[in-house]
Full PDB file with SEQRES, HELIX, SHEET, SSBOND, CRYST1, ORIGX, SCALE, CONECT and MASTER records, all heavy atoms in Angstrom:
SEQRES   1 A   42  ARG ARG GLY GLY LEU GLU VAL GLN SER LYS ALA GLY GLY          
SEQRES   2 A   42  SER PRO VAL THR ASP GLY ASP LEU ALA VAL ASN ALA PHE          
SEQRES   3 A   42  LEU THR GLU ARG LEU ARG LYS ALA ARG PRO ASP TYR GLY          
SEQRES   4 A   42  TRP LEU SER                                                  
HELIX    1 AA1 ASP A   18  ALA A   34  1                                  17    
SHEET    1 AA1 2 VAL A   7  SER A   9  0                                        
SHEET    2 AA1 2 PRO A  15  THR A  17 -1                                        
CRYST1    1.000    1.000    1.000  90.00  90.00  90.00 P 1           1          
ORIGX1      1.000000  0.000000  0.000000        0.00000                         
ORIGX2      0.000000  1.000000  0.000000        0.00000                         
ORIGX3      0.000000  0.000000  1.000000        0.00000                         
SCALE1      1.000000  0.000000  0.000000        0.00000                         
SCALE2      0.000000  1.000000  0.000000        0.00000                         
SCALE3      0.000000  0.000000  1.000000        0.00000                         
ATOM      1  N   ARG A   1       0.826  -1.212   0.000  1.00  0.00           N  
ATOM      2  CA  ARG A   1       0.000   0.000   0.000  1.00  0.00           C  
ATOM      3  C   ARG A   1       0.855   1.255   0.000  1.00  0.00           C  
ATOM      4  O   ARG A   1       0.527   2.245  -0.677  1.00  0.00           O  
ATOM      5  CB  ARG A   1      -0.940  -0.018   1.210  1.00  0.00           C  
ATOM      6  CG  ARG A   1      -1.975   1.102   1.208  1.00  0.00           C  
ATOM      7  CD  ARG A   1      -2.932   0.977   2.384  1.00  0.00           C  
ATOM      8  NE  ARG A   1      -2.221   0.956   3.653  1.00  0.00           N  
ATOM      9  CZ  ARG A   1      -2.816   0.697   4.819  1.00  0.00           C  
ATOM     10  NH1 ARG A   1      -4.107   0.402   4.875  1.00  0.00           N  
ATOM     11  NH2 ARG A   1      -2.110   0.710   5.939  1.00  0.00           N  
ATOM     12  N   ARG A   2       1.953   1.226   0.750  1.00  0.00           N  
ATOM     13  CA  ARG A   2       2.850   2.395   0.751  1.00  0.00           C  
ATOM     14  C   ARG A   2       3.408   2.666  -0.634  1.00  0.00           C  
ATOM     15  O   ARG A   2       3.652   3.821  -1.003  1.00  0.00           O  
ATOM     16  CB  ARG A   2       3.995   2.170   1.741  1.00  0.00           C  
ATOM     17  CG  ARG A   2       3.596   2.283   3.210  1.00  0.00           C  
ATOM     18  CD  ARG A   2       4.801   2.387   4.110  1.00  0.00           C  
ATOM     19  NE  ARG A   2       5.652   1.203   4.042  1.00  0.00           N  
ATOM     20  CZ  ARG A   2       5.514   0.136   4.814  1.00  0.00           C  
ATOM     21  NH1 ARG A   2       4.552   0.092   5.728  1.00  0.00           N  
ATOM     22  NH2 ARG A   2       6.331  -0.886   4.700  1.00  0.00           N  
ATOM     23  N   GLY A   3       3.598   1.612  -1.398  1.00  0.00           N  
ATOM     24  CA  GLY A   3       4.145   1.775  -2.751  1.00  0.00           C  
ATOM     25  C   GLY A   3       3.112   2.153  -3.796  1.00  0.00           C  
ATOM     26  O   GLY A   3       3.460   2.416  -4.942  1.00  0.00           O  
ATOM     27  N   GLY A   4       1.831   2.194  -3.397  1.00  0.00           N  
ATOM     28  CA  GLY A   4       0.759   2.516  -4.338  1.00  0.00           C  
ATOM     29  C   GLY A   4       0.118   1.255  -4.868  1.00  0.00           C  
ATOM     30  O   GLY A   4       0.789   0.437  -5.524  1.00  0.00           O  
ATOM     31  N   LEU A   5      -1.163   1.098  -4.616  1.00  0.00           N  
ATOM     32  CA  LEU A   5      -1.866  -0.129  -4.987  1.00  0.00           C  
ATOM     33  C   LEU A   5      -2.419  -0.072  -6.400  1.00  0.00           C  
ATOM     34  O   LEU A   5      -2.867   0.978  -6.864  1.00  0.00           O  
ATOM     35  CB  LEU A   5      -3.024  -0.383  -4.020  1.00  0.00           C  
ATOM     36  CG  LEU A   5      -2.657  -0.685  -2.569  1.00  0.00           C  
ATOM     37  CD1 LEU A   5      -3.910  -0.672  -1.702  1.00  0.00           C  
ATOM     38  CD2 LEU A   5      -1.951  -2.029  -2.469  1.00  0.00           C  
ATOM     39  N   GLU A   6      -2.391  -1.213  -7.058  1.00  0.00           N  
ATOM     40  CA  GLU A   6      -3.107  -1.397  -8.319  1.00  0.00           C  
ATOM     41  C   GLU A   6      -4.432  -2.065  -7.998  1.00  0.00           C  
ATOM     42  O   GLU A   6      -4.463  -3.140  -7.414  1.00  0.00           O  
ATOM     43  CB  GLU A   6      -2.293  -2.260  -9.283  1.00  0.00           C  
ATOM     44  CG  GLU A   6      -0.960  -1.654  -9.692  1.00  0.00           C  
ATOM     45  CD  GLU A   6      -0.162  -2.570 -10.609  1.00  0.00           C  
ATOM     46  OE1 GLU A   6      -0.738  -3.602 -11.053  1.00  0.00           O  
ATOM     47  OE2 GLU A   6       1.007  -2.268 -10.864  1.00  0.00           O  
ATOM     48  N   VAL A   7      -5.532  -1.418  -8.381  1.00  0.00           N  
ATOM     49  CA  VAL A   7      -6.864  -1.892  -8.025  1.00  0.00           C  
ATOM     50  C   VAL A   7      -7.610  -2.326  -9.275  1.00  0.00           C  
ATOM     51  O   VAL A   7      -7.640  -1.609 -10.275  1.00  0.00           O  
ATOM     52  CB  VAL A   7      -7.658  -0.792  -7.299  1.00  0.00           C  
ATOM     53  CG1 VAL A   7      -9.022  -1.328  -6.860  1.00  0.00           C  
ATOM     54  CG2 VAL A   7      -6.879  -0.260  -6.095  1.00  0.00           C  
ATOM     55  N   GLN A   8      -8.205  -3.526  -9.186  1.00  0.00           N  
ATOM     56  CA  GLN A   8      -9.048  -4.046 -10.255  1.00  0.00           C  
ATOM     57  C   GLN A   8     -10.387  -4.460  -9.669  1.00  0.00           C  
ATOM     58  O   GLN A   8     -10.545  -4.553  -8.451  1.00  0.00           O  
ATOM     59  CB  GLN A   8      -8.375  -5.234 -10.948  1.00  0.00           C  
ATOM     60  CG  GLN A   8      -7.036  -4.911 -11.575  1.00  0.00           C  
ATOM     61  CD  GLN A   8      -6.392  -6.135 -12.191  1.00  0.00           C  
ATOM     62  OE1 GLN A   8      -6.809  -7.265 -11.948  1.00  0.00           O  
ATOM     63  NE2 GLN A   8      -5.368  -5.908 -12.996  1.00  0.00           N  
ATOM     64  N   SER A   9     -11.355  -4.731 -10.540  1.00  0.00           N  
ATOM     65  CA  SER A   9     -12.667  -5.221 -10.108  1.00  0.00           C  
ATOM     66  C   SER A   9     -12.810  -6.687 -10.482  1.00  0.00           C  
ATOM     67  O   SER A   9     -12.522  -7.078 -11.617  1.00  0.00           O  
ATOM     68  CB  SER A   9     -13.795  -4.418 -10.755  1.00  0.00           C  
ATOM     69  OG  SER A   9     -13.812  -3.094 -10.266  1.00  0.00           O  
ATOM     70  N   LYS A  10     -13.248  -7.483  -9.513  1.00  0.00           N  
ATOM     71  CA  LYS A  10     -13.522  -8.886  -9.783  1.00  0.00           C  
ATOM     72  C   LYS A  10     -14.925  -9.023 -10.354  1.00  0.00           C  
ATOM     73  O   LYS A  10     -15.716  -8.082 -10.363  1.00  0.00           O  
ATOM     74  CB  LYS A  10     -13.394  -9.695  -8.489  1.00  0.00           C  
ATOM     75  CG  LYS A  10     -12.002  -9.688  -7.897  1.00  0.00           C  
ATOM     76  CD  LYS A  10     -11.847 -10.700  -6.770  1.00  0.00           C  
ATOM     77  CE  LYS A  10     -12.520 -10.251  -5.512  1.00  0.00           C  
ATOM     78  NZ  LYS A  10     -12.194 -11.141  -4.361  1.00  0.00           N  
ATOM     79  N   ALA A  11     -15.239 -10.224 -10.832  1.00  0.00           N  
ATOM     80  CA  ALA A  11     -16.604 -10.509 -11.264  1.00  0.00           C  
ATOM     81  C   ALA A  11     -17.537 -10.248 -10.097  1.00  0.00           C  
ATOM     82  O   ALA A  11     -17.313 -10.717  -8.987  1.00  0.00           O  
ATOM     83  CB  ALA A  11     -16.717 -11.960 -11.721  1.00  0.00           C  
ATOM     84  N   GLY A  12     -18.575  -9.470 -10.338  1.00  0.00           N  
ATOM     85  CA  GLY A  12     -19.475  -9.076  -9.259  1.00  0.00           C  
ATOM     86  C   GLY A  12     -19.201  -7.677  -8.763  1.00  0.00           C  
ATOM     87  O   GLY A  12     -20.012  -7.107  -8.039  1.00  0.00           O  
ATOM     88  N   GLY A  13     -18.028  -7.123  -9.115  1.00  0.00           N  
ATOM     89  CA  GLY A  13     -17.749  -5.723  -8.826  1.00  0.00           C  
ATOM     90  C   GLY A  13     -16.917  -5.435  -7.610  1.00  0.00           C  
ATOM     91  O   GLY A  13     -16.529  -4.281  -7.394  1.00  0.00           O  
ATOM     92  N   SER A  14     -16.605  -6.437  -6.778  1.00  0.00           N  
ATOM     93  CA  SER A  14     -15.795  -6.155  -5.596  1.00  0.00           C  
ATOM     94  C   SER A  14     -14.346  -5.912  -5.996  1.00  0.00           C  
ATOM     95  O   SER A  14     -13.845  -6.496  -6.963  1.00  0.00           O  
ATOM     96  CB  SER A  14     -15.877  -7.315  -4.598  1.00  0.00           C  
ATOM     97  OG  SER A  14     -15.370  -8.499  -5.169  1.00  0.00           O  
ATOM     98  N   PRO A  15     -13.628  -5.049  -5.262  1.00  0.00           N  
ATOM     99  CA  PRO A  15     -12.261  -4.708  -5.650  1.00  0.00           C  
ATOM    100  C   PRO A  15     -11.256  -5.758  -5.186  1.00  0.00           C  
ATOM    101  O   PRO A  15     -11.460  -6.448  -4.182  1.00  0.00           O  
ATOM    102  CB  PRO A  15     -12.018  -3.375  -4.939  1.00  0.00           C  
ATOM    103  CG  PRO A  15     -12.864  -3.477  -3.703  1.00  0.00           C  
ATOM    104  CD  PRO A  15     -14.090  -4.247  -4.116  1.00  0.00           C  
ATOM    105  N   VAL A  16     -10.161  -5.858  -5.931  1.00  0.00           N  
ATOM    106  CA  VAL A  16      -9.011  -6.658  -5.528  1.00  0.00           C  
ATOM    107  C   VAL A  16      -7.769  -5.879  -5.908  1.00  0.00           C  
ATOM    108  O   VAL A  16      -7.735  -5.211  -6.943  1.00  0.00           O  
ATOM    109  CB  VAL A  16      -9.026  -8.060  -6.191  1.00  0.00           C  
ATOM    110  CG1 VAL A  16      -8.937  -7.965  -7.704  1.00  0.00           C  
ATOM    111  CG2 VAL A  16      -7.914  -8.929  -5.623  1.00  0.00           C  
ATOM    112  N   THR A  17      -6.763  -5.922  -5.072  1.00  0.00           N  
ATOM    113  CA  THR A  17      -5.542  -5.165  -5.320  1.00  0.00           C  
ATOM    114  C   THR A  17      -4.366  -6.110  -5.492  1.00  0.00           C  
ATOM    115  O   THR A  17      -4.436  -7.299  -5.161  1.00  0.00           O  
ATOM    116  CB  THR A  17      -5.233  -4.212  -4.153  1.00  0.00           C  
ATOM    117  OG1 THR A  17      -4.746  -4.980  -3.044  1.00  0.00           O  
ATOM    118  CG2 THR A  17      -6.470  -3.424  -3.730  1.00  0.00           C  
ATOM    119  N   ASP A  18      -3.263  -5.534  -6.000  1.00  0.00           N  
ATOM    120  CA  ASP A  18      -2.049  -6.344  -6.075  1.00  0.00           C  
ATOM    121  C   ASP A  18      -1.560  -6.705  -4.671  1.00  0.00           C  
ATOM    122  O   ASP A  18      -0.853  -7.703  -4.492  1.00  0.00           O  
ATOM    123  CB  ASP A  18      -0.961  -5.633  -6.868  1.00  0.00           C  
ATOM    124  CG  ASP A  18      -0.594  -4.264  -6.313  1.00  0.00           C  
ATOM    125  OD1 ASP A  18      -1.450  -3.613  -5.676  1.00  0.00           O  
ATOM    126  OD2 ASP A  18       0.559  -3.835  -6.511  1.00  0.00           O  
ATOM    127  N   GLY A  19      -1.974  -5.934  -3.660  1.00  0.00           N  
ATOM    128  CA  GLY A  19      -1.640  -6.289  -2.283  1.00  0.00           C  
ATOM    129  C   GLY A  19      -2.354  -7.559  -1.848  1.00  0.00           C  
ATOM    130  O   GLY A  19      -1.745  -8.444  -1.231  1.00  0.00           O  
ATOM    131  N   ASP A  20      -3.663  -7.668  -2.152  1.00  0.00           N  
ATOM    132  CA  ASP A  20      -4.406  -8.902  -1.862  1.00  0.00           C  
ATOM    133  C   ASP A  20      -3.700 -10.104  -2.486  1.00  0.00           C  
ATOM    134  O   ASP A  20      -3.532 -11.152  -1.841  1.00  0.00           O  
ATOM    135  CB  ASP A  20      -5.818  -8.836  -2.445  1.00  0.00           C  
ATOM    136  CG  ASP A  20      -6.694  -7.761  -1.849  1.00  0.00           C  
ATOM    137  OD1 ASP A  20      -6.442  -6.566  -2.108  1.00  0.00           O  
ATOM    138  OD2 ASP A  20      -7.653  -8.105  -1.145  1.00  0.00           O  
ATOM    139  N   LEU A  21      -3.316  -9.961  -3.754  1.00  0.00           N  
ATOM    140  CA  LEU A  21      -2.736 -11.084  -4.491  1.00  0.00           C  
ATOM    141  C   LEU A  21      -1.346 -11.431  -3.980  1.00  0.00           C  
ATOM    142  O   LEU A  21      -0.978 -12.611  -3.913  1.00  0.00           O  
ATOM    143  CB  LEU A  21      -2.703 -10.754  -5.984  1.00  0.00           C  
ATOM    144  CG  LEU A  21      -4.074 -10.461  -6.619  1.00  0.00           C  
ATOM    145  CD1 LEU A  21      -3.921 -10.128  -8.078  1.00  0.00           C  
ATOM    146  CD2 LEU A  21      -5.029 -11.647  -6.432  1.00  0.00           C  
ATOM    147  N   ALA A  22      -0.568 -10.412  -3.588  1.00  0.00           N  
ATOM    148  CA  ALA A  22       0.762 -10.680  -3.043  1.00  0.00           C  
ATOM    149  C   ALA A  22       0.657 -11.417  -1.707  1.00  0.00           C  
ATOM    150  O   ALA A  22       1.421 -12.353  -1.437  1.00  0.00           O  
ATOM    151  CB  ALA A  22       1.532  -9.371  -2.867  1.00  0.00           C  
ATOM    152  N   VAL A  23      -0.286 -11.012  -0.875  1.00  0.00           N  
ATOM    153  CA  VAL A  23      -0.484 -11.695   0.405  1.00  0.00           C  
ATOM    154  C   VAL A  23      -0.951 -13.128   0.177  1.00  0.00           C  
ATOM    155  O   VAL A  23      -0.492 -14.064   0.841  1.00  0.00           O  
ATOM    156  CB  VAL A  23      -1.490 -10.917   1.278  1.00  0.00           C  
ATOM    157  CG1 VAL A  23      -1.893 -11.742   2.494  1.00  0.00           C  
ATOM    158  CG2 VAL A  23      -0.896  -9.590   1.711  1.00  0.00           C  
ATOM    159  N   ASN A  24      -1.855 -13.309  -0.780  1.00  0.00           N  
ATOM    160  CA  ASN A  24      -2.335 -14.659  -1.065  1.00  0.00           C  
ATOM    161  C   ASN A  24      -1.194 -15.563  -1.532  1.00  0.00           C  
ATOM    162  O   ASN A  24      -1.087 -16.722  -1.108  1.00  0.00           O  
ATOM    163  CB  ASN A  24      -3.428 -14.619  -2.130  1.00  0.00           C  
ATOM    164  CG  ASN A  24      -4.102 -15.959  -2.315  1.00  0.00           C  
ATOM    165  OD1 ASN A  24      -4.766 -16.467  -1.414  1.00  0.00           O  
ATOM    166  ND2 ASN A  24      -3.921 -16.557  -3.481  1.00  0.00           N  
ATOM    167  N   ALA A  25      -0.334 -15.031  -2.391  1.00  0.00           N  
ATOM    168  CA  ALA A  25       0.796 -15.828  -2.880  1.00  0.00           C  
ATOM    169  C   ALA A  25       1.729 -16.199  -1.731  1.00  0.00           C  
ATOM    170  O   ALA A  25       2.213 -17.341  -1.638  1.00  0.00           O  
ATOM    171  CB  ALA A  25       1.546 -15.052  -3.949  1.00  0.00           C  
ATOM    172  N   PHE A  26       1.987 -15.246  -0.836  1.00  0.00           N  
ATOM    173  CA  PHE A  26       2.846 -15.522   0.314  1.00  0.00           C  
ATOM    174  C   PHE A  26       2.241 -16.585   1.217  1.00  0.00           C  
ATOM    175  O   PHE A  26       2.914 -17.535   1.634  1.00  0.00           O  
ATOM    176  CB  PHE A  26       3.083 -14.243   1.108  1.00  0.00           C  
ATOM    177  CG  PHE A  26       3.605 -14.482   2.496  1.00  0.00           C  
ATOM    178  CD1 PHE A  26       4.915 -14.877   2.709  1.00  0.00           C  
ATOM    179  CD2 PHE A  26       2.760 -14.364   3.594  1.00  0.00           C  
ATOM    180  CE1 PHE A  26       5.386 -15.138   3.994  1.00  0.00           C  
ATOM    181  CE2 PHE A  26       3.221 -14.611   4.875  1.00  0.00           C  
ATOM    182  CZ  PHE A  26       4.537 -15.006   5.069  1.00  0.00           C  
ATOM    183  N   LEU A  27       0.952 -16.441   1.537  1.00  0.00           N  
ATOM    184  CA  LEU A  27       0.307 -17.393   2.439  1.00  0.00           C  
ATOM    185  C   LEU A  27       0.217 -18.784   1.816  1.00  0.00           C  
ATOM    186  O   LEU A  27       0.376 -19.792   2.517  1.00  0.00           O  
ATOM    187  CB  LEU A  27      -1.085 -16.892   2.815  1.00  0.00           C  
ATOM    188  CG  LEU A  27      -1.124 -15.640   3.697  1.00  0.00           C  
ATOM    189  CD1 LEU A  27      -2.552 -15.122   3.828  1.00  0.00           C  
ATOM    190  CD2 LEU A  27      -0.540 -15.924   5.080  1.00  0.00           C  
ATOM    191  N   THR A  28      -0.032 -18.826   0.518  1.00  0.00           N  
ATOM    192  CA  THR A  28      -0.071 -20.126  -0.164  1.00  0.00           C  
ATOM    193  C   THR A  28       1.254 -20.846  -0.018  1.00  0.00           C  
ATOM    194  O   THR A  28       1.307 -22.039   0.312  1.00  0.00           O  
ATOM    195  CB  THR A  28      -0.418 -19.934  -1.647  1.00  0.00           C  
ATOM    196  OG1 THR A  28      -1.673 -19.266  -1.780  1.00  0.00           O  
ATOM    197  CG2 THR A  28      -0.494 -21.272  -2.373  1.00  0.00           C  
ATOM    198  N   GLU A  29       2.334 -20.127  -0.251  1.00  0.00           N  
ATOM    199  CA  GLU A  29       3.667 -20.716  -0.152  1.00  0.00           C  
ATOM    200  C   GLU A  29       3.975 -21.118   1.287  1.00  0.00           C  
ATOM    201  O   GLU A  29       4.411 -22.247   1.556  1.00  0.00           O  
ATOM    202  CB  GLU A  29       4.700 -19.709  -0.649  1.00  0.00           C  
ATOM    203  CG  GLU A  29       6.156 -20.096  -0.385  1.00  0.00           C  
ATOM    204  CD  GLU A  29       6.627 -21.301  -1.175  1.00  0.00           C  
ATOM    205  OE1 GLU A  29       5.961 -21.666  -2.174  1.00  0.00           O  
ATOM    206  OE2 GLU A  29       7.663 -21.890  -0.803  1.00  0.00           O  
ATOM    207  N   ARG A  30       3.738 -20.223   2.235  1.00  0.00           N  
ATOM    208  CA  ARG A  30       4.107 -20.479   3.622  1.00  0.00           C  
ATOM    209  C   ARG A  30       3.274 -21.621   4.234  1.00  0.00           C  
ATOM    210  O   ARG A  30       3.821 -22.540   4.846  1.00  0.00           O  
ATOM    211  CB  ARG A  30       3.934 -19.209   4.443  1.00  0.00           C  
ATOM    212  CG  ARG A  30       4.107 -19.385   5.950  1.00  0.00           C  
ATOM    213  CD  ARG A  30       5.528 -19.751   6.366  1.00  0.00           C  
ATOM    214  NE  ARG A  30       6.450 -18.693   6.075  1.00  0.00           N  
ATOM    215  CZ  ARG A  30       6.693 -17.654   6.885  1.00  0.00           C  
ATOM    216  NH1 ARG A  30       6.061 -17.558   8.045  1.00  0.00           N  
ATOM    217  NH2 ARG A  30       7.567 -16.728   6.540  1.00  0.00           N  
ATOM    218  N   LEU A  31       1.973 -21.543   4.100  1.00  0.00           N  
ATOM    219  CA  LEU A  31       1.110 -22.495   4.792  1.00  0.00           C  
ATOM    220  C   LEU A  31       1.067 -23.855   4.110  1.00  0.00           C  
ATOM    221  O   LEU A  31       1.128 -24.901   4.771  1.00  0.00           O  
ATOM    222  CB  LEU A  31      -0.300 -21.927   4.930  1.00  0.00           C  
ATOM    223  CG  LEU A  31      -0.421 -20.627   5.735  1.00  0.00           C  
ATOM    224  CD1 LEU A  31      -1.877 -20.169   5.784  1.00  0.00           C  
ATOM    225  CD2 LEU A  31       0.125 -20.795   7.147  1.00  0.00           C  
ATOM    226  N   ARG A  32       0.969 -23.860   2.794  1.00  0.00           N  
ATOM    227  CA  ARG A  32       0.850 -25.147   2.098  1.00  0.00           C  
ATOM    228  C   ARG A  32       2.170 -25.914   2.126  1.00  0.00           C  
ATOM    229  O   ARG A  32       2.167 -27.153   2.148  1.00  0.00           O  
ATOM    230  CB  ARG A  32       0.366 -24.938   0.673  1.00  0.00           C  
ATOM    231  CG  ARG A  32      -0.975 -24.231   0.601  1.00  0.00           C  
ATOM    232  CD  ARG A  32      -1.636 -24.340  -0.750  1.00  0.00           C  
ATOM    233  NE  ARG A  32      -2.273 -25.648  -0.913  1.00  0.00           N  
ATOM    234  CZ  ARG A  32      -2.996 -25.982  -1.968  1.00  0.00           C  
ATOM    235  NH1 ARG A  32      -3.151 -25.113  -2.961  1.00  0.00           N  
ATOM    236  NH2 ARG A  32      -3.550 -27.168  -2.054  1.00  0.00           N  
ATOM    237  N   LYS A  33       3.275 -25.201   2.135  1.00  0.00           N  
ATOM    238  CA  LYS A  33       4.568 -25.878   2.264  1.00  0.00           C  
ATOM    239  C   LYS A  33       4.712 -26.515   3.639  1.00  0.00           C  
ATOM    240  O   LYS A  33       5.256 -27.620   3.778  1.00  0.00           O  
ATOM    241  CB  LYS A  33       5.703 -24.881   2.015  1.00  0.00           C  
ATOM    242  CG  LYS A  33       7.095 -25.509   2.029  1.00  0.00           C  
ATOM    243  CD  LYS A  33       8.161 -24.476   1.697  1.00  0.00           C  
ATOM    244  CE  LYS A  33       9.548 -25.104   1.681  1.00  0.00           C  
ATOM    245  NZ  LYS A  33      10.589 -24.084   1.334  1.00  0.00           N  
ATOM    246  N   ALA A  34       4.203 -25.837   4.664  1.00  0.00           N  
ATOM    247  CA  ALA A  34       4.305 -26.353   6.023  1.00  0.00           C  
ATOM    248  C   ALA A  34       3.331 -27.500   6.286  1.00  0.00           C  
ATOM    249  O   ALA A  34       3.609 -28.378   7.106  1.00  0.00           O  
ATOM    250  CB  ALA A  34       4.053 -25.229   7.022  1.00  0.00           C  
ATOM    251  N   ARG A  35       2.179 -27.494   5.612  1.00  0.00           N  
ATOM    252  CA  ARG A  35       1.159 -28.522   5.827  1.00  0.00           C  
ATOM    253  C   ARG A  35       0.672 -29.037   4.465  1.00  0.00           C  
ATOM    254  O   ARG A  35      -0.463 -28.765   4.049  1.00  0.00           O  
ATOM    255  CB  ARG A  35      -0.025 -27.959   6.616  1.00  0.00           C  
ATOM    256  CG  ARG A  35       0.320 -27.377   7.971  1.00  0.00           C  
ATOM    257  CD  ARG A  35       0.672 -28.447   8.994  1.00  0.00           C  
ATOM    258  NE  ARG A  35       0.780 -27.869  10.328  1.00  0.00           N  
ATOM    259  CZ  ARG A  35       1.904 -27.357  10.823  1.00  0.00           C  
ATOM    260  NH1 ARG A  35       3.026 -27.341  10.091  1.00  0.00           N  
ATOM    261  NH2 ARG A  35       1.927 -26.848  12.057  1.00  0.00           N  
ATOM    262  N   PRO A  36       1.491 -29.795   3.739  1.00  0.00           N  
ATOM    263  CA  PRO A  36       1.115 -30.222   2.386  1.00  0.00           C  
ATOM    264  C   PRO A  36      -0.088 -31.149   2.338  1.00  0.00           C  
ATOM    265  O   PRO A  36      -0.712 -31.295   1.266  1.00  0.00           O  
ATOM    266  CB  PRO A  36       2.380 -30.934   1.882  1.00  0.00           C  
ATOM    267  CG  PRO A  36       3.129 -31.323   3.112  1.00  0.00           C  
ATOM    268  CD  PRO A  36       2.842 -30.252   4.116  1.00  0.00           C  
ATOM    269  N   ASP A  37      -0.457 -31.756   3.461  1.00  0.00           N  
ATOM    270  CA  ASP A  37      -1.605 -32.656   3.478  1.00  0.00           C  
ATOM    271  C   ASP A  37      -2.917 -31.930   3.765  1.00  0.00           C  
ATOM    272  O   ASP A  37      -3.986 -32.545   3.700  1.00  0.00           O  
ATOM    273  CB  ASP A  37      -1.392 -33.762   4.513  1.00  0.00           C  
ATOM    274  CG  ASP A  37      -1.113 -33.221   5.905  1.00  0.00           C  
ATOM    275  OD1 ASP A  37      -0.462 -32.165   6.005  1.00  0.00           O  
ATOM    276  OD2 ASP A  37      -1.537 -33.857   6.891  1.00  0.00           O  
ATOM    277  N   TYR A  38      -2.878 -30.640   4.049  1.00  0.00           N  
ATOM    278  CA  TYR A  38      -4.093 -29.879   4.303  1.00  0.00           C  
ATOM    279  C   TYR A  38      -4.692 -29.402   2.984  1.00  0.00           C  
ATOM    280  O   TYR A  38      -3.971 -29.054   2.043  1.00  0.00           O  
ATOM    281  CB  TYR A  38      -3.809 -28.653   5.177  1.00  0.00           C  
ATOM    282  CG  TYR A  38      -3.556 -28.925   6.641  1.00  0.00           C  
ATOM    283  CD1 TYR A  38      -3.131 -30.171   7.097  1.00  0.00           C  
ATOM    284  CD2 TYR A  38      -3.735 -27.922   7.580  1.00  0.00           C  
ATOM    285  CE1 TYR A  38      -2.889 -30.403   8.443  1.00  0.00           C  
ATOM    286  CE2 TYR A  38      -3.500 -28.139   8.937  1.00  0.00           C  
ATOM    287  CZ  TYR A  38      -3.067 -29.380   9.362  1.00  0.00           C  
ATOM    288  OH  TYR A  38      -2.838 -29.610  10.687  1.00  0.00           O  
ATOM    289  N   GLY A  39      -6.001 -29.339   2.926  1.00  0.00           N  
ATOM    290  CA  GLY A  39      -6.666 -28.717   1.791  1.00  0.00           C  
ATOM    291  C   GLY A  39      -6.553 -27.200   1.863  1.00  0.00           C  
ATOM    292  O   GLY A  39      -6.023 -26.635   2.824  1.00  0.00           O  
ATOM    293  N   TRP A  40      -7.104 -26.535   0.841  1.00  0.00           N  
ATOM    294  CA  TRP A  40      -6.923 -25.088   0.718  1.00  0.00           C  
ATOM    295  C   TRP A  40      -8.178 -24.431   0.170  1.00  0.00           C  
ATOM    296  O   TRP A  40      -8.758 -24.883  -0.810  1.00  0.00           O  
ATOM    297  CB  TRP A  40      -5.754 -24.806  -0.225  1.00  0.00           C  
ATOM    298  CG  TRP A  40      -5.387 -23.353  -0.374  1.00  0.00           C  
ATOM    299  CD1 TRP A  40      -5.741 -22.509  -1.395  1.00  0.00           C  
ATOM    300  CD2 TRP A  40      -4.579 -22.579   0.514  1.00  0.00           C  
ATOM    301  NE1 TRP A  40      -5.205 -21.260  -1.197  1.00  0.00           N  
ATOM    302  CE2 TRP A  40      -4.482 -21.274  -0.025  1.00  0.00           C  
ATOM    303  CE3 TRP A  40      -3.924 -22.868   1.712  1.00  0.00           C  
ATOM    304  CZ2 TRP A  40      -3.765 -20.267   0.584  1.00  0.00           C  
ATOM    305  CZ3 TRP A  40      -3.209 -21.857   2.329  1.00  0.00           C  
ATOM    306  CH2 TRP A  40      -3.131 -20.576   1.770  1.00  0.00           C  
ATOM    307  N   LEU A  41      -8.598 -23.362   0.823  1.00  0.00           N  
ATOM    308  CA  LEU A  41      -9.698 -22.528   0.348  1.00  0.00           C  
ATOM    309  C   LEU A  41      -9.342 -21.088   0.641  1.00  0.00           C  
ATOM    310  O   LEU A  41      -9.158 -20.710   1.802  1.00  0.00           O  
ATOM    311  CB  LEU A  41     -11.004 -22.900   1.048  1.00  0.00           C  
ATOM    312  CG  LEU A  41     -12.233 -22.044   0.684  1.00  0.00           C  
ATOM    313  CD1 LEU A  41     -12.613 -22.233  -0.780  1.00  0.00           C  
ATOM    314  CD2 LEU A  41     -13.419 -22.385   1.597  1.00  0.00           C  
ATOM    315  N   SER A  42      -9.231 -20.282  -0.403  1.00  0.00           N  
ATOM    316  CA  SER A  42      -8.870 -18.868  -0.256  1.00  0.00           C  
ATOM    317  C   SER A  42      -9.710 -18.025  -1.198  1.00  0.00           C  
ATOM    318  O   SER A  42     -10.035 -18.455  -2.310  1.00  0.00           O  
ATOM    319  CB  SER A  42      -7.390 -18.657  -0.560  1.00  0.00           C  
ATOM    320  OG  SER A  42      -7.097 -17.267  -0.670  1.00  0.00           O  
TER     321      SER A  42                                                      
MASTER        0    0    0    1    2    0    0    6  320    1    0    4          
END                                                                             
């Protein structure tokens, strides 16, 4: 956010930013690597 967000609209009109996507990518890597047998919903 400090660097300036890129904002897009998802289907249905709700906003999503490159910050949302960067956090999702980080959490996917961190959590799924630690618990590969767990399912995932994000």
